Structure formats: structure tokens, C-alpha cells
PDB file of N, CA and C in Angstrom:
ATOM      1  N   MET A   1      60.806  24.205 -50.060  1.00  0.00           N
ATOM      2  CA  MET A   1      60.261  22.856 -50.125  1.00  0.00           C
ATOM      3  C   MET A   1      61.119  21.877 -49.341  1.00  0.00           C
ATOM      4  N   LEU A   2      62.443  21.973 -49.470  1.00  0.00           N
ATOM      5  CA  LEU A   2      63.289  21.012 -48.768  1.00  0.00           C
ATOM      6  C   LEU A   2      63.204  21.181 -47.261  1.00  0.00           C
ATOM      7  N   GLY A   3      62.941  22.394 -46.800  1.00  0.00           N
ATOM      8  CA  GLY A   3      62.776  22.603 -45.368  1.00  0.00           C
ATOM      9  C   GLY A   3      61.581  21.846 -44.831  1.00  0.00           C
ATOM     10  N   ALA A   4      60.517  21.844 -45.580  1.00  0.00           N
ATOM     11  CA  ALA A   4      59.312  21.132 -45.154  1.00  0.00           C
ATOM     12  C   ALA A   4      59.539  19.625 -45.134  1.00  0.00           C
ATOM     13  N   VAL A   5      60.285  19.119 -46.100  1.00  0.00           N
ATOM     14  CA  VAL A   5      60.568  17.682 -46.144  1.00  0.00           C
ATOM     15  C   VAL A   5      61.440  17.286 -44.959  1.00  0.00           C
ATOM     16  N   SER A   6      62.476  18.072 -44.674  1.00  0.00           N
ATOM     17  CA  SER A   6      63.337  17.728 -43.545  1.00  0.00           C
ATOM     18  C   SER A   6      62.583  17.850 -42.225  1.00  0.00           C
ATOM     19  N   ALA A   7      61.659  18.804 -42.116  1.00  0.00           N
ATOM     20  CA  ALA A   7      60.849  18.926 -40.903  1.00  0.00           C
ATOM     21  C   ALA A   7      59.942  17.710 -40.734  1.00  0.00           C
ATOM     22  N   ALA A   8      59.347  17.245 -41.804  1.00  0.00           N
ATOM     23  CA  ALA A   8      58.471  16.072 -41.732  1.00  0.00           C
ATOM     24  C   ALA A   8      59.266  14.839 -41.309  1.00  0.00           C
ATOM     25  N   LEU A   9      60.452  14.656 -41.875  1.00  0.00           N
ATOM     26  CA  LEU A   9      61.272  13.498 -41.521  1.00  0.00           C
ATOM     27  C   LEU A   9      61.800  13.615 -40.097  1.00  0.00           C
ATOM     28  N   GLY A  10      62.081  14.833 -39.656  1.00  0.00           N
ATOM     29  CA  GLY A  10      62.503  15.034 -38.272  1.00  0.00           C
ATOM     30  C   GLY A  10      61.406  14.669 -37.296  1.00  0.00           C
ATOM     31  N   CYS A  11      60.173  15.006 -37.624  1.00  0.00           N
ATOM     32  CA  CYS A  11      59.031  14.625 -36.772  1.00  0.00           C
ATOM     33  C   CYS A  11      58.872  13.114 -36.723  1.00  0.00           C
ATOM     34  N   LEU A  12      59.039  12.447 -37.843  1.00  0.00           N
ATOM     35  CA  LEU A  12      58.945  10.983 -37.864  1.00  0.00           C
ATOM     36  C   LEU A  12      60.040  10.360 -37.001  1.00  0.00           C
ATOM     37  N   ALA A  13      61.251  10.910 -37.080  1.00  0.00           N
ATOM     38  CA  ALA A  13      62.355  10.388 -36.275  1.00  0.00           C
ATOM     39  C   ALA A  13      62.086  10.604 -34.784  1.00  0.00           C
ATOM     40  N   ALA A  14      61.529  11.756 -34.438  1.00  0.00           N
ATOM     41  CA  ALA A  14      61.210  12.037 -33.037  1.00  0.00           C
ATOM     42  C   ALA A  14      60.145  11.078 -32.511  1.00  0.00           C
ATOM     43  N   VAL A  15      59.153  10.798 -33.310  1.00  0.00           N
ATOM     44  CA  VAL A  15      58.101   9.859 -32.895  1.00  0.00           C
ATOM     45  C   VAL A  15      58.690   8.465 -32.691  1.00  0.00           C
ATOM     46  N   GLU A  16      59.580   8.046 -33.574  1.00  0.00           N
ATOM     47  CA  GLU A  16      60.224   6.742 -33.415  1.00  0.00           C
ATOM     48  C   GLU A  16      61.052   6.695 -32.136  1.00  0.00           C
ATOM     49  N   ALA A  17      61.750   7.774 -31.825  1.00  0.00           N
ATOM     50  CA  ALA A  17      62.549   7.828 -30.600  1.00  0.00           C
ATOM     51  C   ALA A  17      61.655   7.717 -29.368  1.00  0.00           C
ATOM     52  N   VAL A  18      60.529   8.410 -29.362  1.00  0.00           N
ATOM     53  CA  VAL A  18      59.600   8.348 -28.230  1.00  0.00           C
ATOM     54  C   VAL A  18      59.046   6.933 -28.089  1.00  0.00           C
ATOM     55  N   LYS A  19      58.686   6.304 -29.202  1.00  0.00           N
ATOM     56  CA  LYS A  19      58.168   4.927 -29.141  1.00  0.00           C
ATOM     57  C   LYS A  19      59.230   3.988 -28.576  1.00  0.00           C
ATOM     58  N   HIS A  20      60.471   4.175 -28.993  1.00  0.00           N
ATOM     59  CA  HIS A  20      61.562   3.325 -28.518  1.00  0.00           C
ATOM     60  C   HIS A  20      61.796   3.527 -27.021  1.00  0.00           C
ATOM     61  N   LEU A  21      61.816   4.770 -26.570  1.00  0.00           N
ATOM     62  CA  LEU A  21      62.094   5.076 -25.171  1.00  0.00           C
ATOM     63  C   LEU A  21      60.964   4.662 -24.237  1.00  0.00           C
ATOM     64  N   THR A  22      59.732   4.786 -24.690  1.00  0.00           N
ATOM     65  CA  THR A  22      58.596   4.473 -23.825  1.00  0.00           C
ATOM     66  C   THR A  22      58.118   3.037 -23.969  1.00  0.00           C
ATOM     67  N   GLY A  23      58.490   2.364 -25.051  1.00  0.00           N
ATOM     68  CA  GLY A  23      58.004   1.008 -25.292  1.00  0.00           C
ATOM     69  C   GLY A  23      56.556   0.978 -25.737  1.00  0.00           C
ATOM     70  N   PHE A  24      56.026   2.121 -26.097  1.00  0.00           N
ATOM     71  CA  PHE A  24      54.635   2.229 -26.522  1.00  0.00           C
ATOM     72  C   PHE A  24      54.553   2.206 -28.034  1.00  0.00           C
ATOM     73  N   GLY A  25      53.686   1.396 -28.594  1.00  0.00           N
ATOM     74  CA  GLY A  25      53.497   1.348 -30.041  1.00  0.00           C
ATOM     75  C   GLY A  25      54.494   0.427 -30.715  1.00  0.00           C
ATOM     76  N   GLU A  26      54.313   0.261 -31.991  1.00  0.00           N
ATOM     77  CA  GLU A  26      55.184  -0.605 -32.790  1.00  0.00           C
ATOM     78  C   GLU A  26      56.239   0.249 -33.481  1.00  0.00           C
ATOM     79  N   THR A  27      57.502  -0.070 -33.247  1.00  0.00           N
ATOM     80  CA  THR A  27      58.585   0.691 -33.877  1.00  0.00           C
ATOM     81  C   THR A  27      58.861   0.147 -35.279  1.00  0.00           C
ATOM     82  N   LEU A  28      59.761   0.804 -35.964  1.00  0.00           N
ATOM     83  CA  LEU A  28      60.145   0.381 -37.309  1.00  0.00           C
ATOM     84  C   LEU A  28      61.338  -0.574 -37.295  1.00  0.00           C
ATOM     85  N   LYS A  29      61.592  -1.220 -36.157  1.00  0.00           N
ATOM     86  CA  LYS A  29      62.720  -2.140 -36.070  1.00  0.00           C
ATOM     87  C   LYS A  29      62.577  -3.241 -37.115  1.00  0.00           C
ATOM     88  N   GLY A  30      63.631  -3.434 -37.901  1.00  0.00           N
ATOM     89  CA  GLY A  30      63.605  -4.448 -38.951  1.00  0.00           C
ATOM     90  C   GLY A  30      62.934  -3.981 -40.225  1.00  0.00           C
ATOM     91  N   LYS A  31      62.621  -2.676 -40.292  1.00  0.00           N
ATOM     92  CA  LYS A  31      61.970  -2.130 -41.491  1.00  0.00           C
ATOM     93  C   LYS A  31      62.645  -0.820 -41.893  1.00  0.00           C
ATOM     94  N   MET A  32      62.550  -0.497 -43.151  1.00  0.00           N
ATOM     95  CA  MET A  32      63.001   0.791 -43.652  1.00  0.00           C
ATOM     96  C   MET A  32      61.769   1.538 -44.163  1.00  0.00           C
ATOM     97  N   LEU A  33      61.628   2.774 -43.752  1.00  0.00           N
ATOM     98  CA  LEU A  33      60.500   3.586 -44.180  1.00  0.00           C
ATOM     99  C   LEU A  33      60.972   4.522 -45.286  1.00  0.00           C
ATOM    100  N   ALA A  34      60.338   4.450 -46.435  1.00  0.00           N
ATOM    101  CA  ALA A  34      60.642   5.340 -47.555  1.00  0.00           C
ATOM    102  C   ALA A  34      59.507   6.347 -47.690  1.00  0.00           C
ATOM    103  N   TYR A  35      59.870   7.582 -47.950  1.00  0.00           N
ATOM    104  CA  TYR A  35      58.897   8.676 -48.031  1.00  0.00           C
ATOM    105  C   TYR A  35      58.979   9.323 -49.406  1.00  0.00           C
ATOM    106  N   ASP A  36      57.874   9.331 -50.111  1.00  0.00           N
ATOM    107  CA  ASP A  36      57.774  10.004 -51.408  1.00  0.00           C
ATOM    108  C   ASP A  36      57.040  11.315 -51.169  1.00  0.00           C
ATOM    109  N   ALA A  37      57.798  12.414 -51.091  1.00  0.00           N
ATOM    110  CA  ALA A  37      57.208  13.712 -50.751  1.00  0.00           C
ATOM    111  C   ALA A  37      56.281  14.218 -51.852  1.00  0.00           C
ATOM    112  N   GLU A  38      56.595  13.912 -53.085  1.00  0.00           N
ATOM    113  CA  GLU A  38      55.760  14.393 -54.189  1.00  0.00           C
ATOM    114  C   GLU A  38      54.363  13.771 -54.136  1.00  0.00           C
ATOM    115  N   ALA A  39      54.309  12.469 -53.878  1.00  0.00           N
ATOM    116  CA  ALA A  39      53.021  11.766 -53.848  1.00  0.00           C
ATOM    117  C   ALA A  39      52.436  11.690 -52.444  1.00  0.00           C
ATOM    118  N   MET A  40      53.179  12.174 -51.444  1.00  0.00           N
ATOM    119  CA  MET A  40      52.771  12.062 -50.032  1.00  0.00           C
ATOM    120  C   MET A  40      52.454  10.615 -49.693  1.00  0.00           C
ATOM    121  N   ASP A  41      53.415   9.750 -49.992  1.00  0.00           N
ATOM    122  CA  ASP A  41      53.227   8.324 -49.816  1.00  0.00           C
ATOM    123  C   ASP A  41      54.372   7.758 -48.978  1.00  0.00           C
ATOM    124  N   PHE A  42      54.063   6.793 -48.127  1.00  0.00           N
ATOM    125  CA  PHE A  42      55.047   6.097 -47.319  1.00  0.00           C
ATOM    126  C   PHE A  42      55.049   4.637 -47.721  1.00  0.00           C
ATOM    127  N   MET A  43      56.239   4.038 -47.769  1.00  0.00           N
ATOM    128  CA  MET A  43      56.377   2.620 -48.083  1.00  0.00           C
ATOM    129  C   MET A  43      57.304   1.990 -47.053  1.00  0.00           C
ATOM    130  N   LYS A  44      56.992   0.796 -46.588  1.00  0.00           N
ATOM    131  CA  LYS A  44      57.838   0.069 -45.649  1.00  0.00           C
ATOM    132  C   LYS A  44      58.433  -1.142 -46.342  1.00  0.00           C
ATOM    133  N   PHE A  45      59.742  -1.333 -46.102  1.00  0.00           N
ATOM    134  CA  PHE A  45      60.451  -2.469 -46.665  1.00  0.00           C
ATOM    135  C   PHE A  45      61.127  -3.229 -45.534  1.00  0.00           C
ATOM    136  N   PRO A  46      61.065  -4.548 -45.539  1.00  0.00           N
ATOM    137  CA  PRO A  46      61.785  -5.307 -44.513  1.00  0.00           C
ATOM    138  C   PRO A  46      63.289  -5.268 -44.785  1.00  0.00           C
ATOM    139  N   VAL A  47      64.058  -5.165 -43.732  1.00  0.00           N
ATOM    140  CA  VAL A  47      65.521  -5.214 -43.840  1.00  0.00           C
ATOM    141  C   VAL A  47      66.032  -6.169 -42.766  1.00  0.00           C
ATOM    142  N   SER A  48      67.169  -6.750 -43.009  1.00  0.00           N
ATOM    143  CA  SER A  48      67.764  -7.646 -42.013  1.00  0.00           C
ATOM    144  C   SER A  48      69.262  -7.387 -41.942  1.00  0.00           C
ATOM    145  N   ARG A  49      69.833  -7.760 -40.802  1.00  0.00           N
ATOM    146  CA  ARG A  49      71.271  -7.606 -40.614  1.00  0.00           C
ATOM    147  C   ARG A  49      71.985  -8.777 -41.263  1.00  0.00           C
ATOM    148  N   LYS A  50      73.181  -8.499 -41.740  1.00  0.00           N
ATOM    149  CA  LYS A  50      74.013  -9.568 -42.281  1.00  0.00           C
ATOM    150  C   LYS A  50      74.997  -9.994 -41.205  1.00  0.00           C
ATOM    151  N   ALA A  51      75.157 -11.271 -41.032  1.00  0.00           N
ATOM    152  CA  ALA A  51      76.018 -11.799 -39.977  1.00  0.00           C
ATOM    153  C   ALA A  51      77.466 -11.354 -40.125  1.00  0.00           C
ATOM    154  N   ASP A  52      77.922 -11.122 -41.356  1.00  0.00           N
ATOM    155  CA  ASP A  52      79.320 -10.744 -41.567  1.00  0.00           C
ATOM    156  C   ASP A  52      79.536  -9.227 -41.640  1.00  0.00           C
ATOM    157  N   CYS A  53      78.522  -8.430 -41.332  1.00  0.00           N
ATOM    158  CA  CYS A  53      78.648  -6.970 -41.356  1.00  0.00           C
ATOM    159  C   CYS A  53      79.374  -6.510 -40.093  1.00  0.00           C
ATOM    160  N   PRO A  54      80.510  -5.817 -40.217  1.00  0.00           N
ATOM    161  CA  PRO A  54      81.252  -5.389 -39.032  1.00  0.00           C
ATOM    162  C   PRO A  54      80.549  -4.258 -38.271  1.00  0.00           C
ATOM    163  N   VAL A  55      79.616  -3.575 -38.885  1.00  0.00           N
ATOM    164  CA  VAL A  55      78.946  -2.459 -38.239  1.00  0.00           C
ATOM    165  C   VAL A  55      77.680  -2.898 -37.517  1.00  0.00           C
ATOM    166  N   CYS A  56      76.834  -3.676 -38.175  1.00  0.00           N
ATOM    167  CA  CYS A  56      75.503  -3.948 -37.611  1.00  0.00           C
ATOM    168  C   CYS A  56      75.308  -5.361 -37.070  1.00  0.00           C
ATOM    169  N   ALA A  57      76.257  -6.272 -37.261  1.00  0.00           N
ATOM    170  CA  ALA A  57      76.040  -7.653 -36.854  1.00  0.00           C
ATOM    171  C   ALA A  57      75.888  -7.802 -35.344  1.00  0.00           C
ATOM    172  N   HIS A  58      76.522  -6.942 -34.556  1.00  0.00           N
ATOM    173  CA  HIS A  58      76.479  -7.086 -33.105  1.00  0.00           C
ATOM    174  C   HIS A  58      75.304  -6.321 -32.468  1.00  0.00           C
ATOM    175  N   LEU A  59      74.574  -5.557 -33.244  1.00  0.00           N
ATOM    176  CA  LEU A  59      73.458  -4.790 -32.692  1.00  0.00           C
ATOM    177  C   LEU A  59      72.300  -5.711 -32.367  1.00  0.00           C
ATOM    178  N   GLY A  60      71.588  -5.423 -31.294  1.00  0.00           N
ATOM    179  CA  GLY A  60      70.491  -6.277 -30.853  1.00  0.00           C
ATOM    180  C   GLY A  60      69.216  -5.900 -31.462  1.00  0.00           C
TER     181      GLY A  60
END
């Protein structure tokens, strides 16, 4: 079961990479995608960078 879940998430990551590289489609920038494998449900949550975060504050 865990192999199938990791394969599904790997496919989602690959699709996001292709969208980012080609500029085609809407990416998940500024959002977090949550996946409930049991219910086969996806949920999107908005996320934002914090100005005082040493890791993500300088990312564009």
C-alpha cells in the first residue's frame, strides 16, 4: 500500500515540475496540497512565507 501512495505522490511532484518548467497550467505556488489516500481526497491550503524566516524569506 505504501508503495502505491509514494508512486501517486511522485507523479504529482513530476507534474508540478513539468508545469513549473514549461510555464503551462497553474502551479501550486503559495498552496499546500494534502492527500488523504484512504478517502482518495485532495485538499489545498494557502500558505505564505514569513518575512523573518531564514530559509524561505528570500525565495521568490
